Amino acid sequence: MYAIIEEGGRQIRVTDGDTIQIDREVKDDEKIITFDRVLLVGGEGQPKIGVPLVAGATVTADVIGPVKGPKIDIVKYRRRKGYRRKIGHRQQYTAVKVTGINV
């Protein structure tokens, strides 16, 4: 069974046991996250497609912890002007492991 959830403006396809990275910051005491914005549930028989959300469907996940994304280098350069700037950025994510899809 799989589901398509909406999180942080992105649509993510998840199944049981998947580990995903989300933009949301989680409090230290929060161990389980419930995603209630489920757009589609499929895998057994006909898929259930939400208009826009599947009624009563949720996806639960265990919080693994904070992780860092890939390093992105921002380079600005103007030719013949002696202007060079280099900035780096590394996005902070929260890793979660999907434990259940409830319909």
N, C-alpha and C. Protein backbone atom coordinates (compact mmCIF):
# COMPACT_ATOMS: atom_id res chain seq x y z
N MET A 1 0.83 -1.17 0.00
CA MET A 1 0.00 0.00 0.00
C MET A 1 0.88 1.24 0.00
N TYR A 2 0.47 2.25 -0.76
CA TYR A 2 1.22 3.49 -0.81
C TYR A 2 0.25 4.67 -0.71
N ALA A 3 0.81 5.84 -0.41
CA ALA A 3 0.02 7.05 -0.31
C ALA A 3 0.83 8.21 -0.85
N ILE A 4 0.12 9.22 -1.31
CA ILE A 4 0.75 10.47 -1.71
C ILE A 4 0.29 11.53 -0.72
N ILE A 5 1.26 12.11 -0.02
CA ILE A 5 0.95 13.11 1.00
C ILE A 5 1.48 14.47 0.55
N GLU A 6 0.91 15.51 1.12
CA GLU A 6 1.39 16.86 0.86
C GLU A 6 2.05 17.38 2.13
N GLU A 7 3.32 17.79 2.00
CA GLU A 7 4.07 18.28 3.14
C GLU A 7 5.01 19.38 2.68
N GLY A 8 4.89 20.54 3.25
CA GLY A 8 5.78 21.65 2.93
C GLY A 8 5.69 22.11 1.50
N GLY A 9 4.50 22.03 0.90
CA GLY A 9 4.33 22.46 -0.47
C GLY A 9 4.77 21.44 -1.50
N ARG A 10 5.18 20.25 -1.06
CA ARG A 10 5.61 19.19 -1.97
C ARG A 10 4.69 17.98 -1.84
N GLN A 11 4.56 17.21 -2.89
CA GLN A 11 3.83 15.96 -2.85
C GLN A 11 4.84 14.82 -2.81
N ILE A 12 4.68 13.92 -1.82
CA ILE A 12 5.65 12.86 -1.59
C ILE A 12 4.92 11.53 -1.62
N ARG A 13 5.45 10.56 -2.39
CA ARG A 13 4.90 9.20 -2.43
C ARG A 13 5.59 8.38 -1.35
N VAL A 14 4.81 7.79 -0.44
CA VAL A 14 5.38 7.04 0.68
C VAL A 14 4.74 5.66 0.77
N THR A 15 5.51 4.71 1.29
CA THR A 15 5.02 3.37 1.64
C THR A 15 5.50 3.07 3.05
N ASP A 16 5.03 1.95 3.62
CA ASP A 16 5.47 1.57 4.96
C ASP A 16 6.98 1.32 4.96
N GLY A 17 7.68 1.89 5.93
CA GLY A 17 9.11 1.69 6.07
C GLY A 17 9.97 2.70 5.35
N ASP A 18 9.37 3.60 4.57
CA ASP A 18 10.15 4.63 3.88
C ASP A 18 10.68 5.66 4.86
N THR A 19 11.87 6.18 4.59
CA THR A 19 12.43 7.28 5.35
C THR A 19 12.45 8.50 4.45
N ILE A 20 11.81 9.58 4.90
CA ILE A 20 11.73 10.79 4.11
C ILE A 20 12.26 11.97 4.92
N GLN A 21 12.60 13.04 4.22
CA GLN A 21 13.06 14.26 4.88
C GLN A 21 12.01 15.33 4.68
N ILE A 22 11.60 15.98 5.78
CA ILE A 22 10.60 17.03 5.71
C ILE A 22 11.19 18.33 6.21
N ASP A 23 10.60 19.45 5.80
CA ASP A 23 11.09 20.76 6.19
C ASP A 23 10.66 21.16 7.59
N ARG A 24 9.64 20.53 8.11
CA ARG A 24 9.08 20.91 9.40
C ARG A 24 10.07 20.67 10.52
N GLU A 25 10.17 21.63 11.44
CA GLU A 25 10.97 21.44 12.64
C GLU A 25 10.10 20.78 13.70
N VAL A 26 10.64 19.79 14.37
CA VAL A 26 9.89 19.01 15.34
C VAL A 26 10.40 19.33 16.73
N LYS A 27 9.49 19.42 17.68
CA LYS A 27 9.87 19.66 19.07
C LYS A 27 10.58 18.42 19.61
N ASP A 28 11.37 18.62 20.67
CA ASP A 28 12.15 17.52 21.23
C ASP A 28 11.28 16.41 21.80
N ASP A 29 10.11 16.74 22.36
CA ASP A 29 9.26 15.73 22.98
C ASP A 29 8.35 15.03 21.98
N GLU A 30 8.33 15.47 20.73
CA GLU A 30 7.46 14.90 19.72
C GLU A 30 8.15 13.69 19.07
N LYS A 31 7.59 12.50 19.24
CA LYS A 31 8.19 11.27 18.70
C LYS A 31 7.44 10.73 17.49
N ILE A 32 6.14 11.06 17.38
CA ILE A 32 5.31 10.54 16.29
C ILE A 32 4.65 11.73 15.60
N ILE A 33 4.67 11.72 14.26
CA ILE A 33 4.03 12.76 13.45
C ILE A 33 2.90 12.11 12.66
N THR A 34 1.78 12.81 12.56
CA THR A 34 0.65 12.34 11.76
C THR A 34 0.43 13.32 10.61
N PHE A 35 0.47 12.80 9.40
CA PHE A 35 0.20 13.60 8.21
C PHE A 35 -1.26 13.39 7.84
N ASP A 36 -2.07 14.46 7.86
CA ASP A 36 -3.48 14.30 7.55
C ASP A 36 -3.83 14.80 6.15
N ARG A 37 -2.88 15.41 5.46
CA ARG A 37 -3.12 15.87 4.10
C ARG A 37 -2.72 14.76 3.12
N VAL A 38 -3.61 13.76 2.97
CA VAL A 38 -3.37 12.60 2.11
C VAL A 38 -4.16 12.83 0.82
N LEU A 39 -3.46 12.84 -0.31
CA LEU A 39 -4.09 13.13 -1.60
C LEU A 39 -4.55 11.87 -2.32
N LEU A 40 -3.88 10.74 -2.08
CA LEU A 40 -4.21 9.50 -2.77
C LEU A 40 -3.74 8.32 -1.94
N VAL A 41 -4.54 7.25 -1.93
CA VAL A 41 -4.14 6.00 -1.29
C VAL A 41 -4.38 4.90 -2.31
N GLY A 42 -3.35 4.09 -2.58
CA GLY A 42 -3.47 3.04 -3.58
C GLY A 42 -2.68 1.82 -3.19
N GLY A 43 -2.76 0.81 -4.07
CA GLY A 43 -1.98 -0.40 -3.86
C GLY A 43 -2.82 -1.64 -3.75
N GLU A 44 -4.01 -1.55 -3.23
CA GLU A 44 -4.90 -2.71 -3.11
C GLU A 44 -6.22 -2.35 -3.78
N GLY A 45 -6.48 -2.97 -4.93
CA GLY A 45 -7.71 -2.66 -5.65
C GLY A 45 -7.63 -1.29 -6.30
N GLN A 46 -8.76 -0.61 -6.35
CA GLN A 46 -8.82 0.72 -6.96
C GLN A 46 -8.22 1.76 -6.02
N PRO A 47 -7.45 2.70 -6.54
CA PRO A 47 -6.91 3.75 -5.68
C PRO A 47 -8.02 4.69 -5.22
N LYS A 48 -7.86 5.22 -4.00
CA LYS A 48 -8.79 6.20 -3.47
C LYS A 48 -8.18 7.57 -3.72
N ILE A 49 -8.85 8.36 -4.55
CA ILE A 49 -8.34 9.67 -4.93
C ILE A 49 -9.16 10.72 -4.19
N GLY A 50 -8.47 11.63 -3.53
CA GLY A 50 -9.13 12.67 -2.77
C GLY A 50 -9.56 13.84 -3.64
N VAL A 51 -10.60 14.53 -3.17
CA VAL A 51 -11.08 15.71 -3.88
C VAL A 51 -11.16 16.86 -2.89
N PRO A 52 -10.14 17.56 -2.49
CA PRO A 52 -8.72 17.35 -2.80
C PRO A 52 -8.04 16.35 -1.87
N LEU A 53 -8.67 16.01 -0.69
CA LEU A 53 -8.05 15.09 0.26
C LEU A 53 -8.91 13.85 0.43
N VAL A 54 -8.27 12.72 0.76
CA VAL A 54 -8.99 11.49 1.06
C VAL A 54 -9.56 11.62 2.48
N ALA A 55 -10.85 11.47 2.61
CA ALA A 55 -11.51 11.68 3.89
C ALA A 55 -11.10 10.59 4.89
N GLY A 56 -10.62 11.00 6.06
CA GLY A 56 -10.27 10.08 7.12
C GLY A 56 -8.96 9.36 6.97
N ALA A 57 -8.20 9.63 5.92
CA ALA A 57 -6.92 8.95 5.71
C ALA A 57 -5.79 9.72 6.41
N THR A 58 -4.91 8.98 7.07
CA THR A 58 -3.75 9.57 7.73
C THR A 58 -2.53 8.70 7.50
N VAL A 59 -1.37 9.31 7.61
CA VAL A 59 -0.09 8.60 7.53
C VAL A 59 0.67 8.94 8.81
N THR A 60 1.12 7.91 9.53
CA THR A 60 1.88 8.13 10.75
C THR A 60 3.35 7.82 10.50
N ALA A 61 4.21 8.55 11.22
CA ALA A 61 5.66 8.39 11.04
C ALA A 61 6.36 8.64 12.36
N ASP A 62 7.46 7.91 12.58
CA ASP A 62 8.31 8.10 13.75
C ASP A 62 9.41 9.09 13.40
N VAL A 63 9.72 9.98 14.33
CA VAL A 63 10.77 10.97 14.13
C VAL A 63 12.12 10.32 14.37
N ILE A 64 13.03 10.43 13.40
CA ILE A 64 14.39 9.91 13.55
C ILE A 64 15.28 11.00 14.12
N GLY A 65 15.22 12.20 13.55
CA GLY A 65 16.01 13.31 14.06
C GLY A 65 16.38 14.30 12.98
N PRO A 66 17.10 15.34 13.35
CA PRO A 66 17.50 16.35 12.36
C PRO A 66 18.63 15.85 11.45
N VAL A 67 18.56 16.22 10.19
CA VAL A 67 19.60 15.89 9.21
C VAL A 67 19.86 17.14 8.37
N LYS A 68 21.01 17.16 7.69
CA LYS A 68 21.36 18.27 6.82
C LYS A 68 21.26 17.83 5.37
N GLY A 69 20.80 18.74 4.54
CA GLY A 69 20.72 18.49 3.12
C GLY A 69 22.06 18.70 2.44
N PRO A 70 22.10 18.60 1.12
CA PRO A 70 23.36 18.80 0.41
C PRO A 70 23.81 20.26 0.44
N LYS A 71 25.10 20.48 0.34
CA LYS A 71 25.67 21.82 0.34
C LYS A 71 25.41 22.46 -1.02
N ILE A 72 24.93 23.69 -0.98
CA ILE A 72 24.68 24.45 -2.20
C ILE A 72 25.59 25.68 -2.18
N ASP A 73 26.34 25.88 -3.25
CA ASP A 73 27.22 27.04 -3.36
C ASP A 73 26.56 28.09 -4.23
N ILE A 74 26.50 29.33 -3.75
CA ILE A 74 25.98 30.45 -4.51
C ILE A 74 27.17 31.31 -4.87
N VAL A 75 27.42 31.48 -6.16
CA VAL A 75 28.56 32.23 -6.63
C VAL A 75 28.05 33.40 -7.47
N LYS A 76 28.47 34.63 -7.12
CA LYS A 76 28.13 35.81 -7.90
C LYS A 76 29.43 36.34 -8.51
N TYR A 77 29.37 36.74 -9.76
CA TYR A 77 30.58 37.15 -10.47
C TYR A 77 30.21 38.18 -11.52
N ARG A 78 30.95 39.27 -11.57
CA ARG A 78 30.79 40.27 -12.63
C ARG A 78 32.12 40.37 -13.37
N ARG A 79 32.10 40.13 -14.63
CA ARG A 79 33.35 40.13 -15.37
C ARG A 79 33.94 41.54 -15.46
N ARG A 80 35.24 41.58 -15.39
CA ARG A 80 36.04 42.81 -15.52
C ARG A 80 35.78 43.83 -14.42
N LYS A 81 35.09 43.50 -13.37
CA LYS A 81 34.78 44.47 -12.32
C LYS A 81 35.46 44.13 -10.99
N GLY A 82 36.08 42.99 -10.90
CA GLY A 82 36.72 42.58 -9.65
C GLY A 82 35.70 42.21 -8.57
N TYR A 83 34.52 41.79 -9.00
CA TYR A 83 33.44 41.48 -8.06
C TYR A 83 33.24 39.97 -8.01
N ARG A 84 33.52 39.39 -6.86
CA ARG A 84 33.29 37.95 -6.66
C ARG A 84 32.72 37.74 -5.28
N ARG A 85 31.66 36.96 -5.17
CA ARG A 85 31.06 36.60 -3.88
C ARG A 85 30.76 35.11 -3.91
N LYS A 86 31.05 34.45 -2.80
CA LYS A 86 30.73 33.03 -2.68
C LYS A 86 30.05 32.81 -1.33
N ILE A 87 28.86 32.23 -1.38
CA ILE A 87 28.08 31.95 -0.18
C ILE A 87 27.67 30.48 -0.24
N GLY A 88 27.66 29.82 0.91
CA GLY A 88 27.19 28.44 0.97
C GLY A 88 25.92 28.34 1.77
N HIS A 89 25.14 27.31 1.48
CA HIS A 89 23.90 27.08 2.23
C HIS A 89 23.69 25.58 2.37
N ARG A 90 23.22 25.17 3.55
CA ARG A 90 22.92 23.76 3.79
C ARG A 90 21.62 23.71 4.58
N GLN A 91 20.57 23.21 3.95
CA GLN A 91 19.23 23.21 4.53
C GLN A 91 19.11 22.17 5.64
N GLN A 92 18.40 22.53 6.70
CA GLN A 92 18.13 21.62 7.81
C GLN A 92 16.80 20.91 7.56
N TYR A 93 16.79 19.60 7.67
CA TYR A 93 15.59 18.79 7.50
C TYR A 93 15.36 17.95 8.75
N THR A 94 14.19 17.33 8.82
CA THR A 94 13.89 16.35 9.86
C THR A 94 13.61 15.02 9.17
N ALA A 95 14.33 13.98 9.54
CA ALA A 95 14.13 12.66 8.95
C ALA A 95 13.04 11.93 9.73
N VAL A 96 12.08 11.34 9.01
CA VAL A 96 11.00 10.57 9.63
C VAL A 96 10.86 9.24 8.88
N LYS A 97 10.46 8.21 9.62
CA LYS A 97 10.25 6.88 9.04
C LYS A 97 8.76 6.56 9.10
N VAL A 98 8.17 6.27 7.94
CA VAL A 98 6.74 6.02 7.84
C VAL A 98 6.43 4.66 8.47
N THR A 99 5.46 4.66 9.40
CA THR A 99 5.11 3.43 10.10
C THR A 99 3.75 2.89 9.73
N GLY A 100 2.85 3.72 9.22
CA GLY A 100 1.53 3.21 8.90
C GLY A 100 0.75 4.14 8.02
N ILE A 101 -0.10 3.53 7.16
CA ILE A 101 -1.04 4.27 6.32
C ILE A 101 -2.43 3.81 6.72
N ASN A 102 -3.22 4.73 7.27
CA ASN A 102 -4.55 4.40 7.77
C ASN A 102 -5.59 5.03 6.86
N VAL A 103 -6.57 4.21 6.43
CA VAL A 103 -7.62 4.70 5.55
C VAL A 103 -8.92 4.77 6.30
